[in-house]
Amino acid sequence: MATIALVVGLIVGIGAGWVAKPAEVTTAPGATATVTTTRTVTATPGAPAGLSGEVKIGWVDGLTGGNAFWGEQAMTTAEIALEEVNKHLKDTNAGWTMSLVVEDSETKPDIALEKLKSLHARGITIVSGWGTSGDLRASMSYANANKILLLSYGSTAIDLAVANDYVYRLMPTSAQEGKMLISLAKYLGVTYLIPLWRGDAWGDSVVNATRTAAAGAGISVDEGIRYNPDATEFSAEASALNSAVSSAKSRYGANKVGWFIVCFEEGKAIYEALAAYNPAAWGIKWLTNDGPSLCDWVVGSTTIAEMVSTTDCIFPAKMPTPSGKMQQIQAEVQKRLGRTADLYGLNGYDCVWTLALALMAADKYDPDAVRAQLPMVFDVYQGVGGWSPLNEYGDRSGRNFGLYKVMQIGGEWKWVQVGMWDFGTEEISWLPEPVVVY
């Protein structure tokens, strides 16, 4: 900010006019000459540069549909950040304010693209949100072709990591999720893993990353069950999983078999469909990706809570770095939502602030200018999620995972943290005692 002010000050000083030094005079030897030349140059100021008025940032996300739980969190923290940004701009007499123009994709990629085109038609060329890789994938080509800057709080699909494009993401790719799942499988002694996943950009990416990590760890991954993310009834998938588990147990033994789910909120219907097969009696290891981790529908259903508690299911979730600022924002989220936010939710806050800081540095509403500032902002910005710079693809370089379970405490089902997976060492550590999250 100081640098920007200095540069602006210099430009203003130059534009105000100056008096030229006296013209140089050459005299012949022995001659006397007195010449005085005064020249005044006054530059006419051009149109004022910089940001002014209302600066609109688009926000496209699944606020309904499968991403609603995370969309609600991210929208809440984004609104908190927006309030802080505008207070700062007012306090510093910046001459501009920031606003969010929000569009609901319904967690449907085709609608996400329609919403982006609508924002573009209104002159909005910086758009955040993008909680799912499916929504983002459908809109990337249009954004790159039209130089629209997209900043995603939640997308992790590996194939969306493209260098020098107009897409930036606050999450690391699914490659890390695959490594984490295989670390857990190895720790639990699993040699055969069965996936059940939503058939979209994110789900496919997680399962492919898990297969890649498993290949170097001596773990086999079943062909698994891929389901339609728009489905609402999952009896066929539950039956297929039950059959896959029975087959794997007969070949490898129950203690060597594990399964994991990659889902959004449709996971509730999947777990309920599984209940018909008494899955707690399978005797295999239960894992998940971070989709259902810390979700209220898990602890809010006695059927599901008992199921995952009895089977000692481990739920990983990317972790924010603890800080005083994070605690402050979590307290405000608790007031507004009745629950705290996970890293996906907290990233909504960081999306707004990083764009605000990049706009301040660029001092103009221009996707290329703002895009050029983002790497520098991420290099120095701590935020509420914690520090993590961008890699060469414009994605976060890494995140640790918290490891969570569901336990009954005082007659209520609670989320508790039991350990952590470190992305730097790829090692698992366990807490001495479970810590209640909520």
Protein backbone atom coordinates (compact mmCIF):
# COMPACT_ATOMS: atom_id res chain seq x y z
CA MET A 1 0.00 0.00 0.00
CA ALA A 2 2.86 2.36 0.86
CA THR A 3 4.52 1.59 -2.46
CA ILE A 4 1.30 2.24 -4.36
CA ALA A 5 0.82 5.53 -2.53
CA LEU A 6 4.39 6.58 -3.34
CA VAL A 7 4.01 5.78 -7.03
CA VAL A 8 0.70 7.62 -7.22
CA GLY A 9 2.23 10.56 -5.40
CA LEU A 10 5.08 10.74 -7.88
CA ILE A 11 2.72 10.63 -10.83
CA VAL A 12 0.58 13.40 -9.35
CA GLY A 13 3.68 15.49 -8.68
CA ILE A 14 4.84 15.19 -12.25
CA GLY A 15 1.43 16.10 -13.60
CA ALA A 16 1.20 19.30 -11.55
CA GLY A 17 3.81 21.12 -13.63
CA TRP A 18 7.38 22.28 -13.20
CA VAL A 19 9.66 25.22 -13.98
CA ALA A 20 12.52 24.36 -16.30
CA LYS A 21 16.07 25.20 -15.41
CA PRO A 22 17.57 28.19 -17.20
CA ALA A 23 18.68 27.50 -20.74
CA GLU A 24 22.40 26.96 -21.15
CA VAL A 25 24.24 29.88 -22.81
CA THR A 26 27.58 29.66 -24.64
CA THR A 27 29.67 32.80 -24.98
CA ALA A 28 32.74 33.45 -27.07
CA PRO A 29 36.00 34.21 -25.25
CA GLY A 30 36.08 37.78 -24.00
CA ALA A 31 32.43 38.37 -24.70
CA THR A 32 29.85 39.27 -22.10
CA ALA A 33 26.37 37.90 -22.43
CA THR A 34 23.43 37.77 -20.12
CA VAL A 35 20.59 35.58 -21.25
CA THR A 36 17.70 34.50 -19.06
CA THR A 37 15.14 32.04 -20.38
CA THR A 38 12.26 30.87 -18.28
CA ARG A 39 9.89 28.18 -19.50
CA THR A 40 6.85 26.91 -17.61
CA VAL A 41 5.22 23.66 -18.62
CA THR A 42 1.86 22.73 -17.21
CA ALA A 43 0.52 19.25 -17.89
CA THR A 44 -3.21 18.88 -18.10
CA PRO A 45 -4.28 16.02 -15.80
CA GLY A 46 -5.89 13.12 -17.61
CA ALA A 47 -8.78 11.03 -16.39
CA PRO A 48 -8.23 9.88 -12.80
CA ALA A 49 -6.59 6.45 -12.62
CA GLY A 50 -7.36 3.67 -10.19
CA LEU A 51 -10.39 2.00 -8.70
CA SER A 52 -13.51 3.96 -7.85
CA GLY A 53 -17.14 3.38 -7.01
CA GLU A 54 -18.55 -0.13 -6.63
CA VAL A 55 -16.19 -2.91 -7.70
CA LYS A 56 -18.20 -6.04 -8.44
CA ILE A 57 -16.83 -9.54 -7.92
CA GLY A 58 -18.88 -12.48 -9.17
CA TRP A 59 -19.54 -15.53 -7.00
CA VAL A 60 -20.70 -18.78 -8.64
CA ASP A 61 -21.19 -21.77 -6.37
CA GLY A 62 -23.47 -24.65 -5.49
CA LEU A 63 -25.57 -23.04 -2.78
CA THR A 64 -28.16 -25.77 -3.31
CA GLY A 65 -27.68 -29.35 -4.46
CA GLY A 66 -24.84 -31.60 -3.39
CA ASN A 67 -22.47 -28.78 -2.44
CA ALA A 68 -24.96 -26.88 -0.27
CA PHE A 69 -23.26 -27.69 3.06
CA TRP A 70 -19.92 -26.25 1.90
CA GLY A 71 -21.49 -23.53 -0.21
CA GLU A 72 -23.32 -22.18 2.82
CA GLN A 73 -20.11 -22.14 4.86
CA ALA A 74 -18.05 -20.43 2.17
CA MET A 75 -20.76 -17.85 1.49
CA THR A 76 -20.95 -17.03 5.20
CA THR A 77 -17.20 -16.47 5.58
CA ALA A 78 -17.08 -14.55 2.29
CA GLU A 79 -19.70 -12.15 3.65
CA ILE A 80 -17.67 -11.70 6.85
CA ALA A 81 -14.58 -10.91 4.78
CA LEU A 82 -16.51 -8.49 2.58
CA GLU A 83 -17.62 -6.55 5.64
CA GLU A 84 -14.00 -6.31 6.80
CA VAL A 85 -12.72 -5.29 3.37
CA ASN A 86 -15.26 -2.49 2.99
CA LYS A 87 -14.55 -1.21 6.50
CA HIS A 88 -10.86 -1.07 5.60
CA LEU A 89 -11.58 0.73 2.32
CA LYS A 90 -13.78 3.25 4.13
CA ASP A 91 -11.23 3.81 6.90
CA THR A 92 -8.48 4.43 4.34
CA ASN A 93 -10.63 6.65 2.07
CA ALA A 94 -9.88 4.33 -0.83
CA GLY A 95 -12.69 5.74 -2.94
CA TRP A 96 -14.15 2.37 -3.83
CA THR A 97 -16.14 -0.44 -2.31
CA MET A 98 -16.33 -4.13 -3.08
CA SER A 99 -19.49 -6.16 -3.62
CA LEU A 100 -20.33 -9.77 -4.43
CA VAL A 101 -22.78 -10.67 -7.18
CA VAL A 102 -23.88 -14.16 -6.16
CA GLU A 103 -25.22 -16.86 -8.50
CA ASP A 104 -26.32 -20.38 -7.46
CA SER A 105 -25.06 -23.13 -9.78
CA GLU A 106 -27.25 -25.68 -7.96
CA THR A 107 -24.07 -27.85 -8.05
CA LYS A 108 -24.76 -28.46 -11.75
CA PRO A 109 -21.87 -27.78 -14.17
CA ASP A 110 -24.08 -26.66 -17.08
CA ILE A 111 -25.85 -24.13 -14.88
CA ALA A 112 -22.50 -22.93 -13.51
CA LEU A 113 -21.43 -22.05 -17.05
CA GLU A 114 -24.72 -20.25 -17.71
CA LYS A 115 -24.21 -18.18 -14.56
CA LEU A 116 -20.66 -17.29 -15.58
CA LYS A 117 -21.84 -16.14 -19.00
CA SER A 118 -24.54 -14.05 -17.35
CA LEU A 119 -21.98 -12.34 -15.11
CA HIS A 120 -19.69 -11.75 -18.08
CA ALA A 121 -22.53 -10.10 -20.00
CA ARG A 122 -22.83 -7.66 -17.09
CA GLY A 123 -19.13 -6.77 -17.33
CA ILE A 124 -17.97 -8.87 -14.38
CA THR A 125 -14.64 -10.52 -15.25
CA ILE A 126 -13.37 -11.58 -11.80
CA VAL A 127 -15.40 -14.45 -10.34
CA SER A 128 -14.83 -16.47 -7.18
CA GLY A 129 -16.70 -19.33 -5.51
CA TRP A 130 -16.34 -22.58 -7.51
CA GLY A 131 -16.64 -25.05 -4.65
CA THR A 132 -16.66 -28.12 -6.92
CA SER A 133 -14.35 -29.30 -9.67
CA GLY A 134 -17.36 -30.23 -11.80
CA ASP A 135 -18.63 -26.64 -11.86
CA LEU A 136 -15.15 -25.30 -12.47
CA ARG A 137 -14.30 -27.72 -15.26
CA ALA A 138 -17.44 -26.74 -17.20
CA SER A 139 -16.49 -23.05 -17.05
CA MET A 140 -12.72 -23.07 -17.53
CA SER A 141 -12.62 -22.98 -21.32
CA TYR A 142 -15.03 -20.05 -21.47
CA ALA A 143 -13.08 -18.19 -18.77
CA ASN A 144 -9.73 -18.69 -20.49
CA ALA A 145 -11.11 -17.72 -23.90
CA ASN A 146 -12.60 -14.51 -22.50
CA LYS A 147 -9.87 -13.67 -19.97
CA ILE A 148 -12.10 -14.02 -16.94
CA LEU A 149 -10.23 -14.60 -13.68
CA LEU A 150 -11.63 -17.49 -11.61
CA LEU A 151 -10.61 -18.08 -7.97
CA SER A 152 -11.86 -21.36 -6.51
CA TYR A 153 -12.15 -22.14 -2.82
CA GLY A 154 -12.78 -25.86 -3.16
CA SER A 155 -11.76 -27.50 -6.46
CA THR A 156 -9.02 -30.16 -6.28
CA ALA A 157 -9.26 -32.21 -9.51
CA ILE A 158 -5.78 -32.92 -10.83
CA ASP A 159 -6.59 -32.41 -14.51
CA LEU A 160 -7.65 -28.81 -13.82
CA ALA A 161 -4.07 -27.89 -12.84
CA VAL A 162 -3.04 -25.92 -15.93
CA ALA A 163 -0.12 -23.52 -16.05
CA ASN A 164 -0.62 -19.90 -17.16
CA ASP A 165 -4.41 -20.04 -17.34
CA TYR A 166 -6.99 -17.80 -15.67
CA VAL A 167 -7.89 -20.28 -12.92
CA TYR A 168 -6.45 -20.17 -9.40
CA ARG A 169 -7.36 -22.52 -6.56
CA LEU A 170 -7.06 -22.30 -2.79
CA MET A 171 -6.75 -26.07 -2.45
CA PRO A 172 -3.99 -28.51 -3.41
CA THR A 173 -4.90 -31.15 -5.99
CA SER A 174 -6.35 -34.59 -5.38
CA ALA A 175 -2.87 -36.11 -5.70
CA GLN A 176 -2.48 -35.28 -2.02
CA GLU A 177 -5.82 -36.88 -1.16
CA GLY A 178 -4.75 -40.11 -2.83
CA LYS A 179 -1.49 -40.19 -0.88
CA MET A 180 -3.33 -39.53 2.38
CA LEU A 181 -5.83 -42.37 1.79
CA ILE A 182 -3.05 -44.83 1.01
CA SER A 183 -1.11 -43.73 4.11
CA LEU A 184 -4.20 -44.56 6.19
CA ALA A 185 -4.74 -47.88 4.40
CA LYS A 186 -1.13 -48.92 5.03
CA TYR A 187 -1.36 -47.95 8.69
CA LEU A 188 -4.49 -50.08 9.07
CA GLY A 189 -2.92 -53.05 7.31
CA VAL A 190 -5.25 -52.86 4.30
CA THR A 191 -4.00 -54.50 1.10
CA TYR A 192 -7.26 -54.38 -0.90
CA LEU A 193 -9.29 -51.18 -1.14
CA ILE A 194 -12.81 -50.78 -2.59
CA PRO A 195 -13.90 -47.28 -3.70
CA LEU A 196 -17.46 -45.97 -3.99
CA TRP A 197 -17.55 -42.54 -5.58
CA ARG A 198 -19.57 -39.84 -7.30
CA GLY A 199 -18.88 -39.86 -11.02
CA ASP A 200 -17.76 -36.28 -11.56
CA ALA A 201 -14.50 -34.36 -12.00
CA TRP A 202 -13.67 -34.42 -8.29
CA GLY A 203 -14.67 -38.02 -7.58
CA ASP A 204 -12.84 -39.38 -10.61
CA SER A 205 -9.76 -37.36 -9.71
CA VAL A 206 -9.66 -38.64 -6.12
CA VAL A 207 -10.05 -42.29 -7.13
CA ASN A 208 -7.46 -42.00 -9.90
CA ALA A 209 -5.03 -40.34 -7.47
CA THR A 210 -5.64 -43.13 -4.97
CA ARG A 211 -4.93 -45.78 -7.62
CA THR A 212 -1.67 -43.99 -8.50
CA ALA A 213 -0.55 -43.82 -4.86
CA ALA A 214 -1.59 -47.42 -4.23
CA ALA A 215 0.53 -48.72 -7.12
CA GLY A 216 3.70 -47.79 -5.26
CA ALA A 217 2.51 -49.10 -1.91
CA GLY A 218 1.61 -52.69 -2.67
CA ILE A 219 -2.12 -52.05 -2.31
CA SER A 220 -4.68 -53.21 -4.86
CA VAL A 221 -7.68 -51.01 -5.65
CA ASP A 222 -10.92 -52.65 -6.77
CA GLU A 223 -12.72 -51.36 -9.87
CA GLY A 224 -15.27 -50.07 -7.38
CA ILE A 225 -18.67 -48.50 -7.84
CA ARG A 226 -19.05 -45.18 -9.68
CA TYR A 227 -22.45 -43.55 -9.26
CA ASN A 228 -24.40 -40.76 -10.93
CA PRO A 229 -23.93 -37.61 -8.80
CA ASP A 230 -27.49 -36.53 -9.65
CA ALA A 231 -29.01 -39.75 -8.30
CA THR A 232 -31.16 -39.71 -5.17
CA GLU A 233 -31.68 -43.46 -4.63
CA PHE A 234 -28.75 -45.83 -4.09
CA SER A 235 -30.06 -49.33 -3.43
CA ALA A 236 -28.21 -50.69 -6.48
CA GLU A 237 -24.92 -49.13 -5.36
CA ALA A 238 -25.37 -50.48 -1.83
CA SER A 239 -25.98 -53.97 -3.19
CA ALA A 240 -22.93 -53.74 -5.48
CA LEU A 241 -20.72 -52.63 -2.59
CA ASN A 242 -21.98 -55.45 -0.39
CA SER A 243 -21.13 -57.97 -3.13
CA ALA A 244 -17.67 -56.45 -3.68
CA VAL A 245 -16.94 -56.63 0.05
CA SER A 246 -18.05 -60.28 0.27
CA SER A 247 -15.85 -61.22 -2.66
CA ALA A 248 -12.81 -59.37 -1.32
CA LYS A 249 -13.20 -60.89 2.16
CA SER A 250 -13.22 -64.41 0.73
CA ARG A 251 -9.99 -63.71 -1.18
CA TYR A 252 -7.99 -61.57 1.26
CA GLY A 253 -9.61 -61.88 4.68
CA ALA A 254 -11.66 -59.15 6.35
CA ASN A 255 -8.70 -57.63 8.20
CA LYS A 256 -6.94 -56.87 4.87
CA VAL A 257 -9.92 -55.25 3.16
CA GLY A 258 -11.06 -51.63 3.36
CA TRP A 259 -13.51 -49.41 1.54
CA PHE A 260 -13.84 -45.66 1.15
CA ILE A 261 -16.49 -43.27 -0.09
CA VAL A 262 -16.07 -40.05 -2.09
CA CYS A 263 -19.33 -38.13 -1.79
CA PHE A 264 -21.11 -34.88 -1.10
CA GLU A 265 -24.40 -34.64 0.76
CA GLU A 266 -25.85 -37.57 -1.18
CA GLY A 267 -23.67 -39.66 1.15
CA LYS A 268 -26.53 -39.56 3.65
CA ALA A 269 -28.77 -41.53 1.28
CA ILE A 270 -25.91 -43.91 0.47
CA TYR A 271 -25.20 -44.76 4.12
CA GLU A 272 -28.91 -45.23 4.75
CA ALA A 273 -29.14 -47.64 1.78
CA LEU A 274 -26.17 -49.58 3.15
CA ALA A 275 -27.94 -50.11 6.48
CA ALA A 276 -30.02 -52.89 4.87
CA TYR A 277 -26.86 -55.03 4.63
CA ASN A 278 -25.75 -54.68 8.27
CA PRO A 279 -22.38 -53.26 7.14
CA ALA A 280 -21.09 -52.92 10.71
CA ALA A 281 -20.76 -56.73 10.64
CA TRP A 282 -18.53 -56.73 7.54
CA GLY A 283 -15.47 -56.58 9.78
CA ILE A 284 -13.44 -54.53 7.28
CA LYS A 285 -11.76 -51.13 7.65
CA TRP A 286 -13.84 -48.02 6.93
CA LEU A 287 -12.35 -44.87 5.40
CA THR A 288 -13.68 -41.80 3.64
CA ASN A 289 -12.45 -38.91 1.61
CA ASP A 290 -13.08 -35.47 3.10
CA GLY A 291 -16.53 -35.09 1.50
CA PRO A 292 -18.58 -36.35 4.48
CA SER A 293 -16.03 -35.30 7.11
CA LEU A 294 -17.40 -32.96 9.79
CA CYS A 295 -20.82 -32.81 8.11
CA ASP A 296 -23.84 -32.35 10.35
CA TRP A 297 -25.87 -35.02 8.51
CA VAL A 298 -23.45 -37.69 9.77
CA VAL A 299 -23.84 -36.90 13.47
CA GLY A 300 -27.47 -35.82 12.99
CA SER A 301 -28.60 -39.32 11.95
CA THR A 302 -28.59 -41.99 14.64
CA THR A 303 -28.45 -44.71 11.98
CA ILE A 304 -25.38 -43.25 10.30
CA ALA A 305 -23.64 -42.14 13.50
CA GLU A 306 -23.97 -45.60 15.06
CA MET A 307 -22.77 -47.22 11.83
CA VAL A 308 -19.58 -45.18 11.45
CA SER A 309 -18.86 -45.17 15.19
CA THR A 310 -19.21 -48.96 15.51
CA THR A 311 -16.92 -49.53 12.52
CA ASP A 312 -14.36 -47.00 13.81
CA CYS A 313 -14.53 -45.13 10.51
CA ILE A 314 -11.80 -42.53 9.94
CA PHE A 315 -12.85 -39.26 8.30
CA PRO A 316 -9.97 -37.12 6.97
CA ALA A 317 -10.41 -33.41 6.27
CA LYS A 318 -7.96 -30.76 5.13
CA MET A 319 -7.00 -28.61 8.09
CA PRO A 320 -6.65 -24.87 8.51
CA THR A 321 -3.62 -23.66 10.45
CA PRO A 322 -4.75 -22.65 13.97
CA SER A 323 -4.46 -18.92 14.69
CA GLY A 324 -6.13 -16.20 16.69
CA LYS A 325 -7.73 -14.84 13.52
CA MET A 326 -9.13 -18.24 12.64
CA GLN A 327 -10.68 -18.52 16.11
CA GLN A 328 -12.23 -15.08 15.73
CA ILE A 329 -13.81 -15.95 12.38
CA GLN A 330 -14.97 -19.35 13.62
CA ALA A 331 -16.73 -17.65 16.53
CA GLU A 332 -18.56 -15.40 14.08
CA VAL A 333 -19.45 -18.35 11.83
CA GLN A 334 -20.81 -20.18 14.87
CA LYS A 335 -23.06 -17.19 15.62
CA ARG A 336 -24.37 -17.00 12.06
CA LEU A 337 -24.59 -20.70 11.14
CA GLY A 338 -24.75 -22.53 14.44
CA ARG A 339 -21.61 -24.47 13.53
CA THR A 340 -17.98 -23.80 12.70
CA ALA A 341 -16.50 -24.04 9.20
CA ASP A 342 -14.03 -26.55 7.78
CA LEU A 343 -11.17 -25.46 5.51
CA TYR A 344 -13.45 -25.34 2.48
CA GLY A 345 -15.70 -22.92 4.31
CA LEU A 346 -12.84 -20.80 5.64
CA ASN A 347 -11.45 -20.51 2.13
CA GLY A 348 -14.47 -18.38 1.23
CA TYR A 349 -13.08 -15.71 3.57
CA ASP A 350 -9.61 -15.98 2.07
CA CYS A 351 -10.96 -15.75 -1.49
CA VAL A 352 -12.48 -12.34 -0.79
CA TRP A 353 -9.45 -10.94 1.01
CA THR A 354 -6.89 -12.19 -1.51
CA LEU A 355 -8.87 -10.65 -4.36
CA ALA A 356 -9.22 -7.40 -2.42
CA LEU A 357 -5.48 -7.25 -1.77
CA ALA A 358 -4.69 -8.05 -5.40
CA LEU A 359 -7.10 -5.32 -6.54
CA MET A 360 -5.44 -2.83 -4.20
CA ALA A 361 -2.04 -3.72 -5.63
CA ALA A 362 -3.21 -3.62 -9.26
CA ASP A 363 -5.27 -0.46 -8.63
CA LYS A 364 -7.59 -1.27 -11.52
CA TYR A 365 -10.38 -3.69 -12.37
CA ASP A 366 -8.55 -5.81 -14.88
CA PRO A 367 -8.28 -9.62 -14.76
CA ASP A 368 -4.74 -9.64 -16.13
CA ALA A 369 -3.52 -7.01 -13.70
CA VAL A 370 -5.16 -8.70 -10.71
CA ARG A 371 -3.97 -12.13 -11.85
CA ALA A 372 -0.39 -10.83 -11.96
CA GLN A 373 -0.63 -9.85 -8.29
CA LEU A 374 -2.04 -13.12 -6.92
CA PRO A 375 1.25 -15.05 -6.53
CA MET A 376 2.72 -12.21 -4.49
CA VAL A 377 -0.41 -11.97 -2.34
CA PHE A 378 -0.39 -15.70 -1.59
CA ASP A 379 3.32 -15.56 -0.76
CA VAL A 380 2.65 -13.18 2.12
CA TYR A 381 -0.99 -13.72 3.07
CA GLN A 382 -1.74 -15.81 6.16
CA GLY A 383 -5.53 -15.49 6.18
CA VAL A 384 -7.72 -17.76 8.28
CA GLY A 385 -6.82 -20.97 6.46
CA GLY A 386 -3.10 -20.56 6.99
CA TRP A 387 -0.12 -19.82 4.79
CA SER A 388 0.42 -21.89 1.66
CA PRO A 389 1.91 -20.36 -1.51
CA LEU A 390 0.79 -21.10 -5.04
CA ASN A 391 2.60 -23.63 -7.21
CA GLU A 392 3.36 -23.29 -10.91
CA TYR A 393 -0.24 -24.20 -11.78
CA GLY A 394 -1.84 -21.56 -9.60
CA ASP A 395 -2.93 -24.08 -6.94
CA ARG A 396 -2.04 -24.24 -3.27
CA SER A 397 1.08 -26.33 -2.72
CA GLY A 398 -0.22 -28.44 0.17
CA ARG A 399 -2.39 -28.91 3.26
CA ASN A 400 -2.33 -31.15 6.31
CA PHE A 401 -5.32 -33.40 6.99
CA GLY A 402 -7.01 -33.75 10.35
CA LEU A 403 -8.27 -37.25 11.14
CA TYR A 404 -11.72 -37.42 12.73
CA LYS A 405 -14.17 -39.97 14.14
CA VAL A 406 -17.73 -39.94 15.45
CA MET A 407 -18.19 -40.66 19.15
CA GLN A 408 -21.12 -40.60 21.54
CA ILE A 409 -20.41 -38.16 24.37
CA GLY A 410 -22.97 -37.32 27.03
CA GLY A 411 -25.68 -39.06 25.02
CA GLU A 412 -24.96 -36.98 21.88
CA TRP A 413 -23.06 -37.87 18.73
CA LYS A 414 -20.01 -35.64 18.32
CA TRP A 415 -17.20 -35.09 15.86
CA VAL A 416 -13.81 -35.60 17.51
CA GLN A 417 -10.31 -35.18 16.14
CA VAL A 418 -8.07 -38.17 16.79
CA GLY A 419 -4.99 -37.43 14.69
CA MET A 420 -3.35 -35.72 11.72
CA TRP A 421 -1.69 -36.57 8.41
CA ASP A 422 1.28 -34.31 7.58
CA PHE A 423 1.53 -33.51 3.87
CA GLY A 424 5.25 -32.74 4.13
CA THR A 425 6.28 -36.06 5.65
CA GLU A 426 3.22 -38.11 4.63
CA GLU A 427 3.20 -39.47 8.18
CA ILE A 428 0.28 -40.05 10.56
CA SER A 429 0.31 -38.91 14.18
CA TRP A 430 -2.37 -39.59 16.79
CA LEU A 431 -3.57 -37.33 19.59
CA PRO A 432 -3.24 -38.62 23.18
CA GLU A 433 -7.00 -38.13 23.64
CA PRO A 434 -9.85 -37.33 21.23
CA VAL A 435 -10.63 -33.62 20.99
CA VAL A 436 -14.28 -32.65 20.50
CA VAL A 437 -14.76 -30.49 17.42
CA TYR A 438 -18.53 -30.09 17.70
